[in-house]
Amino acid sequence: MFKTILIVLEVLVCLGLITSILMQSGRASGLSGAIAGGAQSILGKKKGLDEFLNKISMGLAAAFFIITLLIAIIE
């Protein structure tokens, strides 16, 4: 019963994680985009919705990791 609840919760967290990642604005592609994108995040130019979605993504990724570990321990 507990394992089933964890699996359902993991699927919901996974769908939320996918959605939050896909909703973030795209970064410039290529090597120059990787360098410039890294500089922008260091200088704190990420604002508004992207910052919020980034925090949501990090929280959901942590939850996904913890739930996956719990499922592995239960088995």
PDB file of N, CA and C in Angstrom:
ATOM      1  N   MET A   1       0.826  -1.190   0.000  1.00  0.00           N
ATOM      2  CA  MET A   1       0.000   0.000   0.000  1.00  0.00           C
ATOM      3  C   MET A   1       0.872   1.256   0.000  1.00  0.00           C
ATOM      4  N   PHE A   2       1.865   1.310   0.913  1.00  0.00           N
ATOM      5  CA  PHE A   2       2.752   2.467   1.006  1.00  0.00           C
ATOM      6  C   PHE A   2       3.590   2.615  -0.261  1.00  0.00           C
ATOM      7  N   LYS A   3       4.015   1.474  -0.817  1.00  0.00           N
ATOM      8  CA  LYS A   3       4.810   1.501  -2.046  1.00  0.00           C
ATOM      9  C   LYS A   3       3.983   2.045  -3.204  1.00  0.00           C
ATOM     10  N   THR A   4       2.714   1.676  -3.275  1.00  0.00           N
ATOM     11  CA  THR A   4       1.833   2.164  -4.333  1.00  0.00           C
ATOM     12  C   THR A   4       1.660   3.675  -4.238  1.00  0.00           C
ATOM     13  N   ILE A   5       1.500   4.170  -3.027  1.00  0.00           N
ATOM     14  CA  ILE A   5       1.364   5.618  -2.828  1.00  0.00           C
ATOM     15  C   ILE A   5       2.637   6.333  -3.271  1.00  0.00           C
ATOM     16  N   LEU A   6       3.791   5.761  -2.933  1.00  0.00           N
ATOM     17  CA  LEU A   6       5.057   6.373  -3.338  1.00  0.00           C
ATOM     18  C   LEU A   6       5.226   6.376  -4.853  1.00  0.00           C
ATOM     19  N   ILE A   7       4.814   5.302  -5.514  1.00  0.00           N
ATOM     20  CA  ILE A   7       4.940   5.234  -6.970  1.00  0.00           C
ATOM     21  C   ILE A   7       4.032   6.262  -7.637  1.00  0.00           C
ATOM     22  N   VAL A   8       2.806   6.390  -7.151  1.00  0.00           N
ATOM     23  CA  VAL A   8       1.887   7.392  -7.708  1.00  0.00           C
ATOM     24  C   VAL A   8       2.445   8.793  -7.473  1.00  0.00           C
ATOM     25  N   LEU A   9       2.971   9.038  -6.280  1.00  0.00           N
ATOM     26  CA  LEU A   9       3.561  10.334  -5.963  1.00  0.00           C
ATOM     27  C   LEU A   9       4.774  10.611  -6.847  1.00  0.00           C
ATOM     28  N   GLU A  10       5.569   9.587  -7.113  1.00  0.00           N
ATOM     29  CA  GLU A  10       6.738   9.753  -7.972  1.00  0.00           C
ATOM     30  C   GLU A  10       6.334  10.109  -9.397  1.00  0.00           C
ATOM     31  N   VAL A  11       5.285   9.486  -9.905  1.00  0.00           N
ATOM     32  CA  VAL A  11       4.806   9.807 -11.251  1.00  0.00           C
ATOM     33  C   VAL A  11       4.323  11.256 -11.309  1.00  0.00           C
ATOM     34  N   LEU A  12       3.595  11.695 -10.280  1.00  0.00           N
ATOM     35  CA  LEU A  12       3.108  13.076 -10.250  1.00  0.00           C
ATOM     36  C   LEU A  12       4.267  14.072 -10.163  1.00  0.00           C
ATOM     37  N   VAL A  13       5.257  13.768  -9.333  1.00  0.00           N
ATOM     38  CA  VAL A  13       6.428  14.637  -9.225  1.00  0.00           C
ATOM     39  C   VAL A  13       7.184  14.662 -10.544  1.00  0.00           C
ATOM     40  N   CYS A  14       7.292  13.519 -11.193  1.00  0.00           N
ATOM     41  CA  CYS A  14       7.974  13.428 -12.483  1.00  0.00           C
ATOM     42  C   CYS A  14       7.275  14.290 -13.534  1.00  0.00           C
ATOM     43  N   LEU A  15       5.958  14.219 -13.593  1.00  0.00           N
ATOM     44  CA  LEU A  15       5.211  15.040 -14.554  1.00  0.00           C
ATOM     45  C   LEU A  15       5.365  16.528 -14.247  1.00  0.00           C
ATOM     46  N   GLY A  16       5.356  16.881 -12.973  1.00  0.00           N
ATOM     47  CA  GLY A  16       5.575  18.274 -12.593  1.00  0.00           C
ATOM     48  C   GLY A  16       6.970  18.749 -12.951  1.00  0.00           C
ATOM     49  N   LEU A  17       7.953  17.884 -12.775  1.00  0.00           N
ATOM     50  CA  LEU A  17       9.335  18.219 -13.113  1.00  0.00           C
ATOM     51  C   LEU A  17       9.488  18.441 -14.616  1.00  0.00           C
ATOM     52  N   ILE A  18       8.919  17.556 -15.404  1.00  0.00           N
ATOM     53  CA  ILE A  18       8.971  17.703 -16.859  1.00  0.00           C
ATOM     54  C   ILE A  18       8.304  19.005 -17.284  1.00  0.00           C
ATOM     55  N   THR A  19       7.138  19.286 -16.717  1.00  0.00           N
ATOM     56  CA  THR A  19       6.406  20.501 -17.069  1.00  0.00           C
ATOM     57  C   THR A  19       7.187  21.751 -16.689  1.00  0.00           C
ATOM     58  N   SER A  20       7.749  21.772 -15.487  1.00  0.00           N
ATOM     59  CA  SER A  20       8.477  22.967 -15.050  1.00  0.00           C
ATOM     60  C   SER A  20       9.742  23.195 -15.874  1.00  0.00           C
ATOM     61  N   ILE A  21      10.382  22.135 -16.316  1.00  0.00           N
ATOM     62  CA  ILE A  21      11.577  22.287 -17.152  1.00  0.00           C
ATOM     63  C   ILE A  21      11.199  22.781 -18.542  1.00  0.00           C
ATOM     64  N   LEU A  22      10.134  22.232 -19.110  1.00  0.00           N
ATOM     65  CA  LEU A  22       9.730  22.648 -20.452  1.00  0.00           C
ATOM     66  C   LEU A  22       9.175  24.069 -20.488  1.00  0.00           C
ATOM     67  N   MET A  23       8.664  24.569 -19.375  1.00  0.00           N
ATOM     68  CA  MET A  23       8.115  25.924 -19.340  1.00  0.00           C
ATOM     69  C   MET A  23       9.197  26.997 -19.216  1.00  0.00           C
ATOM     70  N   GLN A  24      10.411  26.613 -18.855  1.00  0.00           N
ATOM     71  CA  GLN A  24      11.489  27.594 -18.736  1.00  0.00           C
ATOM     72  C   GLN A  24      11.889  28.087 -20.115  1.00  0.00           C
ATOM     73  N   SER A  25      12.325  29.352 -20.176  1.00  0.00           N
ATOM     74  CA  SER A  25      12.732  29.901 -21.468  1.00  0.00           C
ATOM     75  C   SER A  25      14.034  29.247 -21.908  1.00  0.00           C
ATOM     76  N   GLY A  26      14.177  29.102 -23.220  1.00  0.00           N
ATOM     77  CA  GLY A  26      15.357  28.449 -23.764  1.00  0.00           C
ATOM     78  C   GLY A  26      16.590  29.321 -23.662  1.00  0.00           C
ATOM     79  N   ARG A  27      17.719  28.702 -23.509  1.00  0.00           N
ATOM     80  CA  ARG A  27      18.990  29.414 -23.501  1.00  0.00           C
ATOM     81  C   ARG A  27      19.523  29.411 -24.931  1.00  0.00           C
ATOM     82  N   ALA A  28      20.469  30.288 -25.210  1.00  0.00           N
ATOM     83  CA  ALA A  28      21.091  30.320 -26.531  1.00  0.00           C
ATOM     84  C   ALA A  28      21.844  29.012 -26.749  1.00  0.00           C
ATOM     85  N   SER A  29      21.800  28.511 -27.968  1.00  0.00           N
ATOM     86  CA  SER A  29      22.440  27.220 -28.231  1.00  0.00           C
ATOM     87  C   SER A  29      23.888  27.416 -28.656  1.00  0.00           C
ATOM     88  N   GLY A  30      24.630  26.354 -28.595  1.00  0.00           N
ATOM     89  CA  GLY A  30      26.013  26.379 -29.022  1.00  0.00           C
ATOM     90  C   GLY A  30      26.972  26.723 -27.898  1.00  0.00           C
ATOM     91  N   LEU A  31      28.259  26.762 -28.245  1.00  0.00           N
ATOM     92  CA  LEU A  31      29.294  27.018 -27.249  1.00  0.00           C
ATOM     93  C   LEU A  31      29.212  28.431 -26.704  1.00  0.00           C
ATOM     94  N   SER A  32      28.971  29.407 -27.581  1.00  0.00           N
ATOM     95  CA  SER A  32      28.878  30.792 -27.102  1.00  0.00           C
ATOM     96  C   SER A  32      27.667  30.975 -26.200  1.00  0.00           C
ATOM     97  N   GLY A  33      26.590  30.272 -26.484  1.00  0.00           N
ATOM     98  CA  GLY A  33      25.413  30.344 -25.627  1.00  0.00           C
ATOM     99  C   GLY A  33      25.671  29.742 -24.266  1.00  0.00           C
ATOM    100  N   ALA A  34      26.456  28.682 -24.224  1.00  0.00           N
ATOM    101  CA  ALA A  34      26.778  28.056 -22.940  1.00  0.00           C
ATOM    102  C   ALA A  34      27.615  28.996 -22.085  1.00  0.00           C
ATOM    103  N   ILE A  35      28.558  29.682 -22.732  1.00  0.00           N
ATOM    104  CA  ILE A  35      29.407  30.621 -21.993  1.00  0.00           C
ATOM    105  C   ILE A  35      28.600  31.835 -21.552  1.00  0.00           C
ATOM    106  N   ALA A  36      27.829  32.403 -22.461  1.00  0.00           N
ATOM    107  CA  ALA A  36      27.032  33.594 -22.134  1.00  0.00           C
ATOM    108  C   ALA A  36      25.930  33.261 -21.140  1.00  0.00           C
ATOM    109  N   GLY A  37      25.309  32.102 -21.289  1.00  0.00           N
ATOM    110  CA  GLY A  37      24.255  31.709 -20.355  1.00  0.00           C
ATOM    111  C   GLY A  37      24.785  31.517 -18.956  1.00  0.00           C
ATOM    112  N   GLY A  38      25.990  30.969 -18.852  1.00  0.00           N
ATOM    113  CA  GLY A  38      26.602  30.807 -17.542  1.00  0.00           C
ATOM    114  C   GLY A  38      26.917  32.142 -16.907  1.00  0.00           C
ATOM    115  N   ALA A  39      27.360  33.102 -17.728  1.00  0.00           N
ATOM    116  CA  ALA A  39      27.665  34.430 -17.196  1.00  0.00           C
ATOM    117  C   ALA A  39      26.403  35.124 -16.718  1.00  0.00           C
ATOM    118  N   GLN A  40      25.303  34.942 -17.425  1.00  0.00           N
ATOM    119  CA  GLN A  40      24.058  35.582 -17.015  1.00  0.00           C
ATOM    120  C   GLN A  40      23.580  35.050 -15.678  1.00  0.00           C
ATOM    121  N   SER A  41      23.696  33.743 -15.471  1.00  0.00           N
ATOM    122  CA  SER A  41      23.221  33.197 -14.199  1.00  0.00           C
ATOM    123  C   SER A  41      24.138  33.600 -13.049  1.00  0.00           C
ATOM    124  N   ILE A  42      25.428  33.782 -13.326  1.00  0.00           N
ATOM    125  CA  ILE A  42      26.348  34.227 -12.279  1.00  0.00           C
ATOM    126  C   ILE A  42      26.063  35.681 -11.914  1.00  0.00           C
ATOM    127  N   LEU A  43      25.776  36.501 -12.909  1.00  0.00           N
ATOM    128  CA  LEU A  43      25.535  37.920 -12.664  1.00  0.00           C
ATOM    129  C   LEU A  43      24.134  38.192 -12.147  1.00  0.00           C
ATOM    130  N   GLY A  44      23.311  37.182 -12.037  1.00  0.00           N
ATOM    131  CA  GLY A  44      21.991  37.347 -11.447  1.00  0.00           C
ATOM    132  C   GLY A  44      20.971  37.978 -12.368  1.00  0.00           C
ATOM    133  N   LYS A  45      21.062  37.755 -13.662  1.00  0.00           N
ATOM    134  CA  LYS A  45      20.117  38.353 -14.597  1.00  0.00           C
ATOM    135  C   LYS A  45      18.882  37.500 -14.826  1.00  0.00           C
ATOM    136  N   LYS A  46      18.805  36.364 -14.160  1.00  0.00           N
ATOM    137  CA  LYS A  46      17.629  35.507 -14.270  1.00  0.00           C
ATOM    138  C   LYS A  46      16.562  36.058 -13.336  1.00  0.00           C
ATOM    139  N   LYS A  47      15.420  36.457 -13.879  1.00  0.00           N
ATOM    140  CA  LYS A  47      14.409  37.095 -13.036  1.00  0.00           C
ATOM    141  C   LYS A  47      13.039  36.501 -13.295  1.00  0.00           C
ATOM    142  N   GLY A  48      12.146  36.809 -12.400  1.00  0.00           N
ATOM    143  CA  GLY A  48      10.739  36.519 -12.604  1.00  0.00           C
ATOM    144  C   GLY A  48      10.392  35.056 -12.701  1.00  0.00           C
ATOM    145  N   LEU A  49       9.685  34.740 -13.770  1.00  0.00           N
ATOM    146  CA  LEU A  49       9.143  33.398 -13.957  1.00  0.00           C
ATOM    147  C   LEU A  49      10.240  32.346 -14.076  1.00  0.00           C
ATOM    148  N   ASP A  50      11.328  32.669 -14.782  1.00  0.00           N
ATOM    149  CA  ASP A  50      12.412  31.691 -14.930  1.00  0.00           C
ATOM    150  C   ASP A  50      13.038  31.334 -13.587  1.00  0.00           C
ATOM    151  N   GLU A  51      13.208  32.322 -12.731  1.00  0.00           N
ATOM    152  CA  GLU A  51      13.778  32.048 -11.410  1.00  0.00           C
ATOM    153  C   GLU A  51      12.832  31.176 -10.588  1.00  0.00           C
ATOM    154  N   PHE A  52      11.544  31.491 -10.654  1.00  0.00           N
ATOM    155  CA  PHE A  52      10.544  30.700  -9.936  1.00  0.00           C
ATOM    156  C   PHE A  52      10.513  29.264 -10.456  1.00  0.00           C
ATOM    157  N   LEU A  53      10.503  29.099 -11.776  1.00  0.00           N
ATOM    158  CA  LEU A  53      10.478  27.755 -12.359  1.00  0.00           C
ATOM    159  C   LEU A  53      11.756  26.988 -12.043  1.00  0.00           C
ATOM    160  N   ASN A  54      12.872  27.689 -11.964  1.00  0.00           N
ATOM    161  CA  ASN A  54      14.129  27.038 -11.607  1.00  0.00           C
ATOM    162  C   ASN A  54      14.064  26.493 -10.182  1.00  0.00           C
ATOM    163  N   LYS A  55      13.513  27.278  -9.258  1.00  0.00           N
ATOM    164  CA  LYS A  55      13.382  26.817  -7.869  1.00  0.00           C
ATOM    165  C   LYS A  55      12.413  25.643  -7.771  1.00  0.00           C
ATOM    166  N   ILE A  56      11.319  25.719  -8.518  1.00  0.00           N
ATOM    167  CA  ILE A  56      10.355  24.614  -8.535  1.00  0.00           C
ATOM    168  C   ILE A  56      11.021  23.349  -9.079  1.00  0.00           C
ATOM    169  N   SER A  57      11.786  23.494 -10.156  1.00  0.00           N
ATOM    170  CA  SER A  57      12.469  22.338 -10.757  1.00  0.00           C
ATOM    171  C   SER A  57      13.453  21.707  -9.780  1.00  0.00           C
ATOM    172  N   MET A  58      14.193  22.536  -9.068  1.00  0.00           N
ATOM    173  CA  MET A  58      15.160  21.993  -8.106  1.00  0.00           C
ATOM    174  C   MET A  58      14.452  21.278  -6.964  1.00  0.00           C
ATOM    175  N   GLY A  59      13.356  21.826  -6.490  1.00  0.00           N
ATOM    176  CA  GLY A  59      12.598  21.177  -5.422  1.00  0.00           C
ATOM    177  C   GLY A  59      11.991  19.863  -5.863  1.00  0.00           C
ATOM    178  N   LEU A  60      11.426  19.860  -7.074  1.00  0.00           N
ATOM    179  CA  LEU A  60      10.831  18.627  -7.591  1.00  0.00           C
ATOM    180  C   LEU A  60      11.897  17.569  -7.869  1.00  0.00           C
ATOM    181  N   ALA A  61      13.075  17.995  -8.332  1.00  0.00           N
ATOM    182  CA  ALA A  61      14.162  17.037  -8.564  1.00  0.00           C
ATOM    183  C   ALA A  61      14.615  16.408  -7.248  1.00  0.00           C
ATOM    184  N   ALA A  62      14.694  17.213  -6.195  1.00  0.00           N
ATOM    185  CA  ALA A  62      15.065  16.679  -4.881  1.00  0.00           C
ATOM    186  C   ALA A  62      14.000  15.710  -4.375  1.00  0.00           C
ATOM    187  N   ALA A  63      12.724  16.069  -4.558  1.00  0.00           N
ATOM    188  CA  ALA A  63      11.634  15.183  -4.135  1.00  0.00           C
ATOM    189  C   ALA A  63      11.669  13.872  -4.923  1.00  0.00           C
ATOM    190  N   PHE A  64      11.927  13.958  -6.226  1.00  0.00           N
ATOM    191  CA  PHE A  64      12.014  12.763  -7.068  1.00  0.00           C
ATOM    192  C   PHE A  64      13.139  11.852  -6.574  1.00  0.00           C
ATOM    193  N   PHE A  65      14.271  12.439  -6.246  1.00  0.00           N
ATOM    194  CA  PHE A  65      15.418  11.675  -5.750  1.00  0.00           C
ATOM    195  C   PHE A  65      15.081  10.966  -4.441  1.00  0.00           C
ATOM    196  N   ILE A  66      14.469  11.680  -3.519  1.00  0.00           N
ATOM    197  CA  ILE A  66      14.131  11.108  -2.208  1.00  0.00           C
ATOM    198  C   ILE A  66      13.091  10.002  -2.343  1.00  0.00           C
ATOM    199  N   ILE A  67      12.067  10.236  -3.158  1.00  0.00           N
ATOM    200  CA  ILE A  67      11.023   9.221  -3.349  1.00  0.00           C
ATOM    201  C   ILE A  67      11.611   7.970  -3.994  1.00  0.00           C
ATOM    202  N   THR A  68      12.506   8.162  -4.966  1.00  0.00           N
ATOM    203  CA  THR A  68      13.142   7.015  -5.617  1.00  0.00           C
ATOM    204  C   THR A  68      13.964   6.207  -4.616  1.00  0.00           C
ATOM    205  N   LEU A  69      14.690   6.893  -3.741  1.00  0.00           N
ATOM    206  CA  LEU A  69      15.451   6.182  -2.706  1.00  0.00           C
ATOM    207  C   LEU A  69      14.531   5.420  -1.758  1.00  0.00           C
ATOM    208  N   LEU A  70      13.415   6.035  -1.373  1.00  0.00           N
ATOM    209  CA  LEU A  70      12.470   5.352  -0.485  1.00  0.00           C
ATOM    210  C   LEU A  70      11.893   4.097  -1.137  1.00  0.00           C
ATOM    211  N   ILE A  71      11.569   4.190  -2.415  1.00  0.00           N
ATOM    212  CA  ILE A  71      11.033   3.019  -3.121  1.00  0.00           C
ATOM    213  C   ILE A  71      12.089   1.914  -3.179  1.00  0.00           C
ATOM    214  N   ALA A  72      13.340   2.292  -3.423  1.00  0.00           N
ATOM    215  CA  ALA A  72      14.414   1.295  -3.480  1.00  0.00           C
ATOM    216  C   ALA A  72      14.644   0.647  -2.115  1.00  0.00           C
ATOM    217  N   ILE A  73      14.534   1.418  -1.053  1.00  0.00           N
ATOM    218  CA  ILE A  73      14.728   0.872   0.294  1.00  0.00           C
ATOM    219  C   ILE A  73      13.596  -0.076   0.664  1.00  0.00           C
ATOM    220  N   ILE A  74      12.369   0.267   0.285  1.00  0.00           N
ATOM    221  CA  ILE A  74      11.210  -0.571   0.611  1.00  0.00           C
ATOM    222  C   ILE A  74      11.310  -1.930  -0.074  1.00  0.00           C
ATOM    223  N   GLU A  75      11.798  -1.951  -1.299  1.00  0.00           N
ATOM    224  CA  GLU A  75      11.913  -3.227  -2.013  1.00  0.00           C
ATOM    225  C   GLU A  75      13.017  -3.987  -1.385  1.00  0.00           C
TER     226      GLU A  75
END
